[in-house]
PDB file of N, CA and C in Angstrom:
ATOM      1  N   MET A   1       5.564 -25.052 -50.208  1.00  0.00           N
ATOM      2  CA  MET A   1       4.475 -25.973 -49.990  1.00  0.00           C
ATOM      3  C   MET A   1       3.123 -25.328 -50.301  1.00  0.00           C
ATOM      4  N   LYS A   2       3.045 -24.005 -50.174  1.00  0.00           N
ATOM      5  CA  LYS A   2       1.781 -23.336 -50.469  1.00  0.00           C
ATOM      6  C   LYS A   2       1.380 -23.546 -51.926  1.00  0.00           C
ATOM      7  N   LEU A   3       2.352 -23.488 -52.825  1.00  0.00           N
ATOM      8  CA  LEU A   3       2.055 -23.703 -54.243  1.00  0.00           C
ATOM      9  C   LEU A   3       1.551 -25.121 -54.486  1.00  0.00           C
ATOM     10  N   LEU A   4       2.167 -26.081 -53.849  1.00  0.00           N
ATOM     11  CA  LEU A   4       1.738 -27.469 -53.995  1.00  0.00           C
ATOM     12  C   LEU A   4       0.336 -27.663 -53.432  1.00  0.00           C
ATOM     13  N   ARG A   5       0.085 -27.073 -52.278  1.00  0.00           N
ATOM     14  CA  ARG A   5      -1.256 -27.177 -51.681  1.00  0.00           C
ATOM     15  C   ARG A   5      -2.311 -26.623 -52.621  1.00  0.00           C
ATOM     16  N   LEU A   6      -2.036 -25.445 -53.196  1.00  0.00           N
ATOM     17  CA  LEU A   6      -2.999 -24.829 -54.108  1.00  0.00           C
ATOM     18  C   LEU A   6      -3.165 -25.663 -55.371  1.00  0.00           C
ATOM     19  N   ALA A   7      -2.072 -26.167 -55.907  1.00  0.00           N
ATOM     20  CA  ALA A   7      -2.140 -26.971 -57.128  1.00  0.00           C
ATOM     21  C   ALA A   7      -2.974 -28.232 -56.934  1.00  0.00           C
ATOM     22  N   LEU A   8      -2.957 -28.796 -55.732  1.00  0.00           N
ATOM     23  CA  LEU A   8      -3.680 -30.037 -55.454  1.00  0.00           C
ATOM     24  C   LEU A   8      -5.049 -29.841 -54.817  1.00  0.00           C
ATOM     25  N   ASP A   9      -5.379 -28.602 -54.482  1.00  0.00           N
ATOM     26  CA  ASP A   9      -6.649 -28.316 -53.819  1.00  0.00           C
ATOM     27  C   ASP A   9      -7.808 -28.523 -54.790  1.00  0.00           C
ATOM     28  N   LYS A  10      -8.700 -29.437 -54.464  1.00  0.00           N
ATOM     29  CA  LYS A  10      -9.845 -29.731 -55.326  1.00  0.00           C
ATOM     30  C   LYS A  10     -10.785 -28.535 -55.452  1.00  0.00           C
ATOM     31  N   GLY A  11     -10.715 -27.620 -54.495  1.00  0.00           N
ATOM     32  CA  GLY A  11     -11.571 -26.443 -54.523  1.00  0.00           C
ATOM     33  C   GLY A  11     -11.010 -25.286 -55.326  1.00  0.00           C
ATOM     34  N   ALA A  12      -9.779 -25.409 -55.786  1.00  0.00           N
ATOM     35  CA  ALA A  12      -9.150 -24.326 -56.552  1.00  0.00           C
ATOM     36  C   ALA A  12      -9.705 -24.307 -57.973  1.00  0.00           C
ATOM     37  N   TYR A  13      -9.765 -23.122 -58.532  1.00  0.00           N
ATOM     38  CA  TYR A  13     -10.168 -23.001 -59.925  1.00  0.00           C
ATOM     39  C   TYR A  13      -9.114 -23.661 -60.812  1.00  0.00           C
ATOM     40  N   GLU A  14      -9.539 -24.174 -61.963  1.00  0.00           N
ATOM     41  CA  GLU A  14      -8.629 -24.926 -62.825  1.00  0.00           C
ATOM     42  C   GLU A  14      -7.390 -24.110 -63.205  1.00  0.00           C
ATOM     43  N   GLY A  15      -7.573 -22.908 -63.657  1.00  0.00           N
ATOM     44  CA  GLY A  15      -6.441 -22.073 -64.036  1.00  0.00           C
ATOM     45  C   GLY A  15      -5.538 -21.752 -62.862  1.00  0.00           C
ATOM     46  N   GLU A  16      -6.154 -21.540 -61.712  1.00  0.00           N
ATOM     47  CA  GLU A  16      -5.400 -21.237 -60.489  1.00  0.00           C
ATOM     48  C   GLU A  16      -4.522 -22.428 -60.092  1.00  0.00           C
ATOM     49  N   ALA A  17      -5.088 -23.615 -60.150  1.00  0.00           N
ATOM     50  CA  ALA A  17      -4.341 -24.826 -59.818  1.00  0.00           C
ATOM     51  C   ALA A  17      -3.221 -25.064 -60.831  1.00  0.00           C
ATOM     52  N   ASP A  18      -3.517 -24.846 -62.102  1.00  0.00           N
ATOM     53  CA  ASP A  18      -2.497 -25.024 -63.141  1.00  0.00           C
ATOM     54  C   ASP A  18      -1.335 -24.053 -62.947  1.00  0.00           C
ATOM     55  N   ASN A  19      -1.639 -22.801 -62.682  1.00  0.00           N
ATOM     56  CA  ASN A  19      -0.588 -21.798 -62.465  1.00  0.00           C
ATOM     57  C   ASN A  19       0.266 -22.148 -61.247  1.00  0.00           C
ATOM     58  N   ALA A  20      -0.363 -22.607 -60.189  1.00  0.00           N
ATOM     59  CA  ALA A  20       0.376 -22.984 -58.985  1.00  0.00           C
ATOM     60  C   ALA A  20       1.309 -24.160 -59.268  1.00  0.00           C
ATOM     61  N   ALA A  21       0.830 -25.120 -60.056  1.00  0.00           N
ATOM     62  CA  ALA A  21       1.657 -26.280 -60.390  1.00  0.00           C
ATOM     63  C   ALA A  21       2.875 -25.861 -61.207  1.00  0.00           C
ATOM     64  N   VAL A  22       2.664 -24.978 -62.162  1.00  0.00           N
ATOM     65  CA  VAL A  22       3.780 -24.495 -62.988  1.00  0.00           C
ATOM     66  C   VAL A  22       4.783 -23.740 -62.119  1.00  0.00           C
ATOM     67  N   MET A  23       4.300 -22.867 -61.261  1.00  0.00           N
ATOM     68  CA  MET A  23       5.191 -22.106 -60.386  1.00  0.00           C
ATOM     69  C   MET A  23       5.961 -23.029 -59.436  1.00  0.00           C
ATOM     70  N   PHE A  24       5.299 -24.068 -58.945  1.00  0.00           N
ATOM     71  CA  PHE A  24       5.948 -25.031 -58.051  1.00  0.00           C
ATOM     72  C   PHE A  24       7.133 -25.691 -58.754  1.00  0.00           C
ATOM     73  N   VAL A  25       6.907 -26.152 -59.976  1.00  0.00           N
ATOM     74  CA  VAL A  25       7.980 -26.801 -60.729  1.00  0.00           C
ATOM     75  C   VAL A  25       9.102 -25.809 -61.026  1.00  0.00           C
ATOM     76  N   ARG A  26       8.756 -24.583 -61.364  1.00  0.00           N
ATOM     77  CA  ARG A  26       9.796 -23.569 -61.613  1.00  0.00           C
ATOM     78  C   ARG A  26      10.664 -23.341 -60.377  1.00  0.00           C
ATOM     79  N   LYS A  27      10.019 -23.274 -59.211  1.00  0.00           N
ATOM     80  CA  LYS A  27      10.773 -23.079 -57.966  1.00  0.00           C
ATOM     81  C   LYS A  27      11.700 -24.263 -57.696  1.00  0.00           C
ATOM     82  N   LEU A  28      11.229 -25.464 -57.973  1.00  0.00           N
ATOM     83  CA  LEU A  28      12.077 -26.644 -57.802  1.00  0.00           C
ATOM     84  C   LEU A  28      13.281 -26.593 -58.733  1.00  0.00           C
ATOM     85  N   ARG A  29      13.047 -26.199 -59.974  1.00  0.00           N
ATOM     86  CA  ARG A  29      14.150 -26.102 -60.940  1.00  0.00           C
ATOM     87  C   ARG A  29      15.160 -25.044 -60.514  1.00  0.00           C
ATOM     88  N   GLU A  30      14.671 -23.911 -60.005  1.00  0.00           N
ATOM     89  CA  GLU A  30      15.564 -22.850 -59.535  1.00  0.00           C
ATOM     90  C   GLU A  30      16.485 -23.358 -58.430  1.00  0.00           C
ATOM     91  N   ARG A  31      16.001 -24.297 -57.663  1.00  0.00           N
ATOM     92  CA  ARG A  31      16.771 -24.842 -56.541  1.00  0.00           C
ATOM     93  C   ARG A  31      17.524 -26.112 -56.921  1.00  0.00           C
ATOM     94  N   ASN A  32      17.530 -26.427 -58.206  1.00  0.00           N
ATOM     95  CA  ASN A  32      18.218 -27.613 -58.724  1.00  0.00           C
ATOM     96  C   ASN A  32      17.749 -28.908 -58.051  1.00  0.00           C
ATOM     97  N   ALA A  33      16.480 -28.995 -57.779  1.00  0.00           N
ATOM     98  CA  ALA A  33      15.924 -30.190 -57.146  1.00  0.00           C
ATOM     99  C   ALA A  33      15.837 -31.322 -58.161  1.00  0.00           C
ATOM    100  N   SER A  34      16.028 -32.537 -57.689  1.00  0.00           N
ATOM    101  CA  SER A  34      15.868 -33.702 -58.562  1.00  0.00           C
ATOM    102  C   SER A  34      14.666 -34.512 -58.092  1.00  0.00           C
ATOM    103  N   ALA A  35      14.064 -35.213 -59.033  1.00  0.00           N
ATOM    104  CA  ALA A  35      12.904 -36.039 -58.703  1.00  0.00           C
ATOM    105  C   ALA A  35      13.280 -37.124 -57.691  1.00  0.00           C
ATOM    106  N   ASP A  36      14.447 -37.717 -57.867  1.00  0.00           N
ATOM    107  CA  ASP A  36      14.888 -38.771 -56.949  1.00  0.00           C
ATOM    108  C   ASP A  36      15.011 -38.255 -55.519  1.00  0.00           C
ATOM    109  N   ALA A  37      15.571 -37.069 -55.373  1.00  0.00           N
ATOM    110  CA  ALA A  37      15.726 -36.488 -54.041  1.00  0.00           C
ATOM    111  C   ALA A  37      14.367 -36.182 -53.423  1.00  0.00           C
ATOM    112  N   LEU A  38      13.449 -35.691 -54.236  1.00  0.00           N
ATOM    113  CA  LEU A  38      12.114 -35.380 -53.715  1.00  0.00           C
ATOM    114  C   LEU A  38      11.407 -36.634 -53.225  1.00  0.00           C
ATOM    115  N   PHE A  39      11.487 -37.698 -53.984  1.00  0.00           N
ATOM    116  CA  PHE A  39      10.778 -38.916 -53.610  1.00  0.00           C
ATOM    117  C   PHE A  39      11.423 -39.648 -52.447  1.00  0.00           C
ATOM    118  N   SER A  40      12.727 -39.615 -52.358  1.00  0.00           N
ATOM    119  CA  SER A  40      13.393 -40.378 -51.313  1.00  0.00           C
ATOM    120  C   SER A  40      13.459 -39.656 -49.976  1.00  0.00           C
ATOM    121  N   HIS A  41      13.439 -38.334 -49.975  1.00  0.00           N
ATOM    122  CA  HIS A  41      13.566 -37.574 -48.736  1.00  0.00           C
ATOM    123  C   HIS A  41      12.381 -36.646 -48.512  1.00  0.00           C
ATOM    124  N   SER A  42      11.251 -37.042 -48.972  1.00  0.00           N
ATOM    125  CA  SER A  42      10.087 -36.165 -48.974  1.00  0.00           C
ATOM    126  C   SER A  42       9.495 -35.969 -47.581  1.00  0.00           C
ATOM    127  N   GLN A  43       9.401 -34.721 -47.166  1.00  0.00           N
ATOM    128  CA  GLN A  43       8.701 -34.393 -45.930  1.00  0.00           C
ATOM    129  C   GLN A  43       7.211 -34.593 -46.133  1.00  0.00           C
ATOM    130  N   LEU A  44       6.758 -34.492 -47.362  1.00  0.00           N
ATOM    131  CA  LEU A  44       5.354 -34.710 -47.678  1.00  0.00           C
ATOM    132  C   LEU A  44       4.930 -36.104 -47.257  1.00  0.00           C
ATOM    133  N   ASN A  45       5.717 -37.122 -47.605  1.00  0.00           N
ATOM    134  CA  ASN A  45       5.389 -38.498 -47.221  1.00  0.00           C
ATOM    135  C   ASN A  45       5.369 -38.665 -45.711  1.00  0.00           C
ATOM    136  N   THR A  46       6.311 -38.049 -45.020  1.00  0.00           N
ATOM    137  CA  THR A  46       6.363 -38.131 -43.566  1.00  0.00           C
ATOM    138  C   THR A  46       5.113 -37.541 -42.942  1.00  0.00           C
ATOM    139  N   ALA A  47       4.700 -36.383 -43.426  1.00  0.00           N
ATOM    140  CA  ALA A  47       3.512 -35.730 -42.885  1.00  0.00           C
ATOM    141  C   ALA A  47       2.266 -36.576 -43.123  1.00  0.00           C
ATOM    142  N   LEU A  48       2.156 -37.152 -44.302  1.00  0.00           N
ATOM    143  CA  LEU A  48       0.988 -37.974 -44.599  1.00  0.00           C
ATOM    144  C   LEU A  48       0.953 -39.215 -43.721  1.00  0.00           C
ATOM    145  N   GLU A  49       2.112 -39.819 -43.500  1.00  0.00           N
ATOM    146  CA  GLU A  49       2.164 -41.004 -42.647  1.00  0.00           C
ATOM    147  C   GLU A  49       1.776 -40.677 -41.217  1.00  0.00           C
ATOM    148  N   LYS A  50       2.215 -39.536 -40.720  1.00  0.00           N
ATOM    149  CA  LYS A  50       1.975 -39.176 -39.327  1.00  0.00           C
ATOM    150  C   LYS A  50       0.524 -38.815 -39.049  1.00  0.00           C
ATOM    151  N   CYS A  51      -0.070 -38.003 -39.902  1.00  0.00           N
ATOM    152  CA  CYS A  51      -1.399 -37.499 -39.562  1.00  0.00           C
ATOM    153  C   CYS A  51      -2.400 -37.556 -40.705  1.00  0.00           C
ATOM    154  N   GLY A  52      -1.957 -37.769 -41.915  1.00  0.00           N
ATOM    155  CA  GLY A  52      -2.850 -37.742 -43.067  1.00  0.00           C
ATOM    156  C   GLY A  52      -3.842 -38.883 -43.130  1.00  0.00           C
ATOM    157  N   ASN A  53      -3.589 -39.938 -42.380  1.00  0.00           N
ATOM    158  CA  ASN A  53      -4.491 -41.081 -42.410  1.00  0.00           C
ATOM    159  C   ASN A  53      -5.617 -40.991 -41.384  1.00  0.00           C
ATOM    160  N   GLU A  54      -5.607 -39.943 -40.584  1.00  0.00           N
ATOM    161  CA  GLU A  54      -6.708 -39.725 -39.635  1.00  0.00           C
ATOM    162  C   GLU A  54      -7.981 -39.467 -40.431  1.00  0.00           C
ATOM    163  N   LYS A  55      -9.095 -40.050 -40.000  1.00  0.00           N
ATOM    164  CA  LYS A  55     -10.349 -39.895 -40.739  1.00  0.00           C
ATOM    165  C   LYS A  55     -11.193 -38.759 -40.183  1.00  0.00           C
ATOM    166  N   MET A  56     -11.841 -38.052 -41.105  1.00  0.00           N
ATOM    167  CA  MET A  56     -12.805 -37.026 -40.712  1.00  0.00           C
ATOM    168  C   MET A  56     -13.975 -37.740 -40.044  1.00  0.00           C
ATOM    169  N   THR A  57     -14.493 -37.154 -38.992  1.00  0.00           N
ATOM    170  CA  THR A  57     -15.570 -37.808 -38.229  1.00  0.00           C
ATOM    171  C   THR A  57     -16.911 -37.117 -38.413  1.00  0.00           C
ATOM    172  N   PHE A  58     -16.961 -36.131 -39.306  1.00  0.00           N
ATOM    173  CA  PHE A  58     -18.206 -35.390 -39.492  1.00  0.00           C
ATOM    174  C   PHE A  58     -18.223 -34.748 -40.875  1.00  0.00           C
ATOM    175  N   GLY A  59     -19.387 -34.232 -41.223  1.00  0.00           N
ATOM    176  CA  GLY A  59     -19.523 -33.368 -42.387  1.00  0.00           C
ATOM    177  C   GLY A  59     -19.430 -34.028 -43.741  1.00  0.00           C
ATOM    178  N   LYS A  60     -19.236 -33.187 -44.721  1.00  0.00           N
ATOM    179  CA  LYS A  60     -19.213 -33.555 -46.132  1.00  0.00           C
ATOM    180  C   LYS A  60     -18.181 -34.643 -46.433  1.00  0.00           C
ATOM    181  N   TYR A  61     -17.073 -34.648 -45.708  1.00  0.00           N
ATOM    182  CA  TYR A  61     -15.986 -35.603 -45.969  1.00  0.00           C
ATOM    183  C   TYR A  61     -15.871 -36.654 -44.876  1.00  0.00           C
ATOM    184  N   ARG A  62     -16.959 -36.943 -44.203  1.00  0.00           N
ATOM    185  CA  ARG A  62     -16.976 -37.956 -43.148  1.00  0.00           C
ATOM    186  C   ARG A  62     -16.396 -39.264 -43.681  1.00  0.00           C
ATOM    187  N   ASP A  63     -15.548 -39.888 -42.891  1.00  0.00           N
ATOM    188  CA  ASP A  63     -14.881 -41.153 -43.186  1.00  0.00           C
ATOM    189  C   ASP A  63     -13.789 -41.054 -44.259  1.00  0.00           C
ATOM    190  N   GLU A  64     -13.491 -39.851 -44.745  1.00  0.00           N
ATOM    191  CA  GLU A  64     -12.364 -39.642 -45.663  1.00  0.00           C
ATOM    192  C   GLU A  64     -11.110 -39.371 -44.837  1.00  0.00           C
ATOM    193  N   MET A  65      -9.971 -39.874 -45.280  1.00  0.00           N
ATOM    194  CA  MET A  65      -8.710 -39.540 -44.618  1.00  0.00           C
ATOM    195  C   MET A  65      -8.404 -38.072 -44.916  1.00  0.00           C
ATOM    196  N   ILE A  66      -7.853 -37.371 -43.925  1.00  0.00           N
ATOM    197  CA  ILE A  66      -7.659 -35.935 -44.107  1.00  0.00           C
ATOM    198  C   ILE A  66      -6.702 -35.616 -45.257  1.00  0.00           C
ATOM    199  N   LYS A  67      -5.825 -36.534 -45.628  1.00  0.00           N
ATOM    200  CA  LYS A  67      -4.942 -36.274 -46.759  1.00  0.00           C
ATOM    201  C   LYS A  67      -5.720 -36.206 -48.075  1.00  0.00           C
ATOM    202  N   ASN A  68      -6.964 -36.690 -48.087  1.00  0.00           N
ATOM    203  CA  ASN A  68      -7.802 -36.667 -49.285  1.00  0.00           C
ATOM    204  C   ASN A  68      -8.847 -35.556 -49.259  1.00  0.00           C
ATOM    205  N   VAL A  69      -8.844 -34.763 -48.217  1.00  0.00           N
ATOM    206  CA  VAL A  69      -9.808 -33.673 -48.064  1.00  0.00           C
ATOM    207  C   VAL A  69      -9.161 -32.380 -48.543  1.00  0.00           C
ATOM    208  N   PRO A  70      -9.901 -31.540 -49.281  1.00  0.00           N
ATOM    209  CA  PRO A  70      -9.327 -30.271 -49.740  1.00  0.00           C
ATOM    210  C   PRO A  70      -8.796 -29.431 -48.571  1.00  0.00           C
ATOM    211  N   ILE A  71      -7.654 -28.813 -48.786  1.00  0.00           N
ATOM    212  CA  ILE A  71      -7.027 -27.976 -47.762  1.00  0.00           C
ATOM    213  C   ILE A  71      -7.974 -26.877 -47.311  1.00  0.00           C
ATOM    214  N   SER A  72      -8.720 -26.319 -48.253  1.00  0.00           N
ATOM    215  CA  SER A  72      -9.649 -25.237 -47.905  1.00  0.00           C
ATOM    216  C   SER A  72     -10.696 -25.718 -46.898  1.00  0.00           C
ATOM    217  N   TYR A  73     -11.174 -26.956 -47.049  1.00  0.00           N
ATOM    218  CA  TYR A  73     -12.166 -27.503 -46.121  1.00  0.00           C
ATOM    219  C   TYR A  73     -11.534 -27.777 -44.759  1.00  0.00           C
ATOM    220  N   LEU A  74     -10.325 -28.324 -44.760  1.00  0.00           N
ATOM    221  CA  LEU A  74      -9.638 -28.591 -43.489  1.00  0.00           C
ATOM    222  C   LEU A  74      -9.418 -27.295 -42.712  1.00  0.00           C
ATOM    223  N   THR A  75      -9.005 -26.259 -43.424  1.00  0.00           N
ATOM    224  CA  THR A  75      -8.776 -24.963 -42.786  1.00  0.00           C
ATOM    225  C   THR A  75     -10.077 -24.428 -42.211  1.00  0.00           C
ATOM    226  N   TRP A  76     -11.144 -24.505 -43.002  1.00  0.00           N
ATOM    227  CA  TRP A  76     -12.445 -24.028 -42.532  1.00  0.00           C
ATOM    228  C   TRP A  76     -12.870 -24.813 -41.283  1.00  0.00           C
ATOM    229  N   ALA A  77     -12.771 -26.135 -41.347  1.00  0.00           N
ATOM    230  CA  ALA A  77     -13.198 -26.972 -40.225  1.00  0.00           C
ATOM    231  C   ALA A  77     -12.384 -26.664 -38.972  1.00  0.00           C
ATOM    232  N   PHE A  78     -11.074 -26.516 -39.126  1.00  0.00           N
ATOM    233  CA  PHE A  78     -10.202 -26.254 -37.984  1.00  0.00           C
ATOM    234  C   PHE A  78     -10.606 -24.969 -37.259  1.00  0.00           C
ATOM    235  N   TYR A  79     -10.911 -23.924 -38.009  1.00  0.00           N
ATOM    236  CA  TYR A  79     -11.222 -22.632 -37.396  1.00  0.00           C
ATOM    237  C   TYR A  79     -12.690 -22.428 -37.046  1.00  0.00           C
ATOM    238  N   ASN A  80     -13.587 -23.273 -37.559  1.00  0.00           N
ATOM    239  CA  ASN A  80     -15.013 -23.028 -37.346  1.00  0.00           C
ATOM    240  C   ASN A  80     -15.765 -24.111 -36.580  1.00  0.00           C
ATOM    241  N   CYS A  81     -15.171 -25.252 -36.365  1.00  0.00           N
ATOM    242  CA  CYS A  81     -15.867 -26.350 -35.695  1.00  0.00           C
ATOM    243  C   CYS A  81     -15.343 -26.510 -34.270  1.00  0.00           C
ATOM    244  N   ALA A  82     -16.016 -25.869 -33.351  1.00  0.00           N
ATOM    245  CA  ALA A  82     -15.567 -25.840 -31.956  1.00  0.00           C
ATOM    246  C   ALA A  82     -15.681 -27.200 -31.266  1.00  0.00           C
ATOM    247  N   ASN A  83     -16.610 -28.033 -31.683  1.00  0.00           N
ATOM    248  CA  ASN A  83     -16.844 -29.316 -31.010  1.00  0.00           C
ATOM    249  C   ASN A  83     -16.095 -30.479 -31.642  1.00  0.00           C
ATOM    250  N   MET A  84     -15.074 -30.187 -32.434  1.00  0.00           N
ATOM    251  CA  MET A  84     -14.319 -31.235 -33.105  1.00  0.00           C
ATOM    252  C   MET A  84     -13.550 -32.081 -32.090  1.00  0.00           C
ATOM    253  N   ASP A  85     -13.477 -33.374 -32.366  1.00  0.00           N
ATOM    254  CA  ASP A  85     -12.701 -34.309 -31.557  1.00  0.00           C
ATOM    255  C   ASP A  85     -11.260 -33.805 -31.431  1.00  0.00           C
ATOM    256  N   ALA A  86     -10.697 -33.871 -30.244  1.00  0.00           N
ATOM    257  CA  ALA A  86      -9.357 -33.337 -29.983  1.00  0.00           C
ATOM    258  C   ALA A  86      -8.285 -34.036 -30.830  1.00  0.00           C
ATOM    259  N   ARG A  87      -8.421 -35.337 -31.017  1.00  0.00           N
ATOM    260  CA  ARG A  87      -7.436 -36.070 -31.826  1.00  0.00           C
ATOM    261  C   ARG A  87      -7.482 -35.621 -33.288  1.00  0.00           C
ATOM    262  N   LEU A  88      -8.698 -35.441 -33.814  1.00  0.00           N
ATOM    263  CA  LEU A  88      -8.851 -34.976 -35.188  1.00  0.00           C
ATOM    264  C   LEU A  88      -8.324 -33.555 -35.337  1.00  0.00           C
ATOM    265  N   ARG A  89      -8.646 -32.691 -34.369  1.00  0.00           N
ATOM    266  CA  ARG A  89      -8.163 -31.304 -34.415  1.00  0.00           C
ATOM    267  C   ARG A  89      -6.634 -31.276 -34.438  1.00  0.00           C
ATOM    268  N   SER A  90      -6.026 -32.092 -33.619  1.00  0.00           N
ATOM    269  CA  SER A  90      -4.569 -32.156 -33.569  1.00  0.00           C
ATOM    270  C   SER A  90      -3.987 -32.641 -34.903  1.00  0.00           C
ATOM    271  N   ALA A  91      -4.591 -33.666 -35.481  1.00  0.00           N
ATOM    272  CA  ALA A  91      -4.112 -34.203 -36.761  1.00  0.00           C
ATOM    273  C   ALA A  91      -4.264 -33.170 -37.875  1.00  0.00           C
ATOM    274  N   ILE A  92      -5.396 -32.462 -37.912  1.00  0.00           N
ATOM    275  CA  ILE A  92      -5.609 -31.430 -38.930  1.00  0.00           C
ATOM    276  C   ILE A  92      -4.587 -30.312 -38.750  1.00  0.00           C
ATOM    277  N   HIS A  93      -4.384 -29.897 -37.509  1.00  0.00           N
ATOM    278  CA  HIS A  93      -3.413 -28.830 -37.249  1.00  0.00           C
ATOM    279  C   HIS A  93      -2.021 -29.245 -37.726  1.00  0.00           C
ATOM    280  N   LYS A  94      -1.615 -30.448 -37.387  1.00  0.00           N
ATOM    281  CA  LYS A  94      -0.299 -30.943 -37.790  1.00  0.00           C
ATOM    282  C   LYS A  94      -0.193 -31.030 -39.301  1.00  0.00           C
ATOM    283  N   PHE A  95      -1.239 -31.535 -39.938  1.00  0.00           N
ATOM    284  CA  PHE A  95      -1.266 -31.672 -41.385  1.00  0.00           C
ATOM    285  C   PHE A  95      -1.162 -30.302 -42.053  1.00  0.00           C
ATOM    286  N   LEU A  96      -1.941 -29.339 -41.590  1.00  0.00           N
ATOM    287  CA  LEU A  96      -1.906 -27.991 -42.170  1.00  0.00           C
ATOM    288  C   LEU A  96      -0.557 -27.325 -41.919  1.00  0.00           C
ATOM    289  N   THR A  97       0.002 -27.554 -40.756  1.00  0.00           N
ATOM    290  CA  THR A  97       1.304 -26.953 -40.411  1.00  0.00           C
ATOM    291  C   THR A  97       2.405 -27.507 -41.309  1.00  0.00           C
ATOM    292  N   GLU A  98       2.355 -28.791 -41.595  1.00  0.00           N
ATOM    293  CA  GLU A  98       3.372 -29.425 -42.440  1.00  0.00           C
ATOM    294  C   GLU A  98       3.340 -28.860 -43.862  1.00  0.00           C
ATOM    295  N   PHE A  99       2.175 -28.407 -44.298  1.00  0.00           N
ATOM    296  CA  PHE A  99       2.025 -27.951 -45.671  1.00  0.00           C
ATOM    297  C   PHE A  99       1.956 -26.441 -45.795  1.00  0.00           C
ATOM    298  N   ALA A 100       2.111 -25.738 -44.699  1.00  0.00           N
ATOM    299  CA  ALA A 100       2.035 -24.262 -44.744  1.00  0.00           C
ATOM    300  C   ALA A 100       3.316 -23.643 -45.203  1.00  0.00           C
TER     301      ALA A 100
END
């Protein structure tokens, strides 16, 4: 999941994101993964449904659903914003944990 997170992180450098995406696909191929299996049994979809729709209540990404916020920003906010709403903190933690 770390490779996928990096590949999709809007804050990642272009080459870095491209390399992560290639490595992610290679790892899937090594494990004989199929696209159908990924889409039908995806833990990614479950995580997004559970907590990804929670909205940011402050900052640069205010009113954005956390699934649309760069992972780097979510990580920064989780560790640096002491006054964050408890529900949002819980959703960010769960979201980051699902993708770690």
